[in-house]
């Protein structure tokens, strides 16, 4: 695990993600999800690469059901890109770092 990826909860999701001044890539994941673990290293790299320009936030759906329900998370990993409190892009399933970079770049 790496310090640059932020872990958000139901309690602080609004302040961490929706009120952020920079784009936020949110990874809805769970401990038991194999594909979620596969993309974790790419998310760590993106968090470092975009430090100061965009944030990478993880939300554990088992511990934060309200947020998962609010964004209709039915399949994980599910990544949402937020900008100015609004969902700008959605990616369901494990994808490579390049695809996730493109999502962030479009919001910058």
Protein backbone atom coordinates (compact mmCIF):
# COMPACT_ATOMS: atom_id res chain seq x y z
CA UNK A 1 0.00 0.00 0.00
CA UNK A 2 1.17 3.48 -0.67
CA UNK A 3 0.57 6.82 1.02
CA UNK A 4 -0.48 8.66 -2.13
CA UNK A 5 -3.67 6.60 -2.63
CA UNK A 6 -6.39 7.97 -0.36
CA UNK A 7 -8.92 5.67 1.30
CA UNK A 8 -12.34 7.29 1.55
CA UNK A 9 -15.32 6.21 3.65
CA UNK A 10 -19.05 6.95 3.60
CA UNK A 11 -18.33 9.65 6.21
CA UNK A 12 -15.65 11.57 4.27
CA UNK A 13 -16.49 10.77 0.62
CA UNK A 14 -18.11 14.17 -0.02
CA UNK A 15 -15.20 16.18 1.39
CA UNK A 16 -12.52 13.93 -0.15
CA UNK A 17 -14.04 13.47 -3.60
CA UNK A 18 -16.99 15.73 -4.38
CA UNK A 19 -15.45 18.89 -2.92
CA UNK A 20 -11.99 18.27 -4.37
CA UNK A 21 -10.50 21.07 -6.43
CA UNK A 22 -8.78 18.55 -8.70
CA UNK A 23 -10.09 15.54 -10.64
CA UNK A 24 -10.49 12.38 -8.56
CA UNK A 25 -10.27 8.81 -9.85
CA UNK A 26 -12.30 6.64 -7.46
CA UNK A 27 -11.73 2.88 -7.34
CA UNK A 28 -14.65 0.95 -5.85
CA UNK A 29 -13.10 -2.32 -4.70
CA UNK A 30 -13.18 -5.13 -2.11
CA UNK A 31 -10.58 -7.30 -0.35
CA UNK A 32 -11.90 -10.47 -1.99
CA UNK A 33 -11.82 -9.09 -5.56
CA UNK A 34 -8.97 -10.55 -7.64
CA UNK A 35 -9.15 -8.03 -10.53
CA UNK A 36 -9.17 -5.21 -7.93
CA UNK A 37 -5.85 -6.47 -6.59
CA UNK A 38 -4.49 -6.73 -10.16
CA UNK A 39 -5.02 -3.01 -10.87
CA UNK A 40 -3.82 -1.80 -7.44
CA UNK A 41 -0.16 -1.33 -8.56
CA UNK A 42 -1.30 0.77 -11.55
CA UNK A 43 -3.42 2.93 -9.23
CA UNK A 44 -0.43 3.43 -6.92
CA UNK A 45 1.66 4.57 -9.91
CA UNK A 46 -1.09 6.91 -11.14
CA UNK A 47 -1.39 8.45 -7.67
CA UNK A 48 2.35 9.22 -7.77
CA UNK A 49 2.35 10.35 -11.42
CA UNK A 50 -0.56 12.75 -10.94
CA UNK A 51 0.31 14.00 -7.44
CA UNK A 52 -0.72 17.65 -7.20
CA UNK A 53 -2.84 17.41 -10.38
CA UNK A 54 -5.37 14.66 -9.60
CA UNK A 55 -6.20 12.31 -6.74
CA UNK A 56 -6.64 8.54 -6.63
CA UNK A 57 -9.15 7.40 -4.02
CA UNK A 58 -10.20 3.87 -3.05
CA UNK A 59 -13.57 3.00 -1.53
CA UNK A 60 -14.00 -0.46 0.02
CA UNK A 61 -17.57 -1.38 -0.95
CA UNK A 62 -17.98 -3.86 1.91
CA UNK A 63 -17.24 -1.20 4.53
CA UNK A 64 -18.88 1.74 2.72
CA UNK A 65 -22.15 0.39 1.36
CA UNK A 66 -23.95 3.75 1.27
CA UNK A 67 -21.47 5.28 -1.14
CA UNK A 68 -21.42 2.10 -3.26
CA UNK A 69 -25.22 2.13 -3.46
CA UNK A 70 -25.34 5.85 -4.25
CA UNK A 71 -23.16 5.27 -7.34
CA UNK A 72 -24.89 2.00 -8.33
CA UNK A 73 -21.78 -0.15 -7.96
CA UNK A 74 -22.83 -3.61 -9.13
CA UNK A 75 -19.56 -4.94 -10.49
CA UNK A 76 -16.02 -4.30 -9.29
CA UNK A 77 -13.53 -2.97 -9.89
CA UNK A 78 -15.54 0.06 -10.93
CA UNK A 79 -13.69 3.30 -11.46
CA UNK A 80 -15.39 6.67 -11.61
CA UNK A 81 -13.66 9.88 -12.53
CA UNK A 82 -15.07 12.90 -10.71
CA UNK A 83 -14.49 16.53 -11.59
CA UNK A 84 -16.22 19.41 -9.83
CA UNK A 85 -18.36 16.91 -7.90
CA UNK A 86 -19.72 15.25 -11.05
CA UNK A 87 -18.97 11.87 -12.62
CA UNK A 88 -17.06 12.52 -15.86
CA UNK A 89 -16.17 8.95 -16.85
CA UNK A 90 -16.84 5.35 -15.82
CA UNK A 91 -14.73 2.24 -16.27
CA UNK A 92 -15.97 -1.17 -15.15
CA UNK A 93 -13.49 -4.01 -14.91
CA UNK A 94 -9.73 -4.21 -14.69
CA UNK A 95 -7.90 -2.14 -17.29
CA UNK A 96 -4.33 -1.03 -17.76
CA UNK A 97 -2.63 2.06 -16.48
CA UNK A 98 -2.67 3.67 -19.96
CA UNK A 99 -6.47 3.56 -20.14
CA UNK A 100 -6.80 5.03 -16.67
CA UNK A 101 -4.28 7.76 -17.54
CA UNK A 102 -6.44 8.73 -20.51
CA UNK A 103 -9.47 9.09 -18.23
CA UNK A 104 -7.55 11.44 -15.95
CA UNK A 105 -5.93 13.37 -18.82
CA UNK A 106 -9.33 14.16 -20.33
CA UNK A 107 -10.40 15.77 -17.05
CA UNK A 108 -7.25 17.86 -16.63
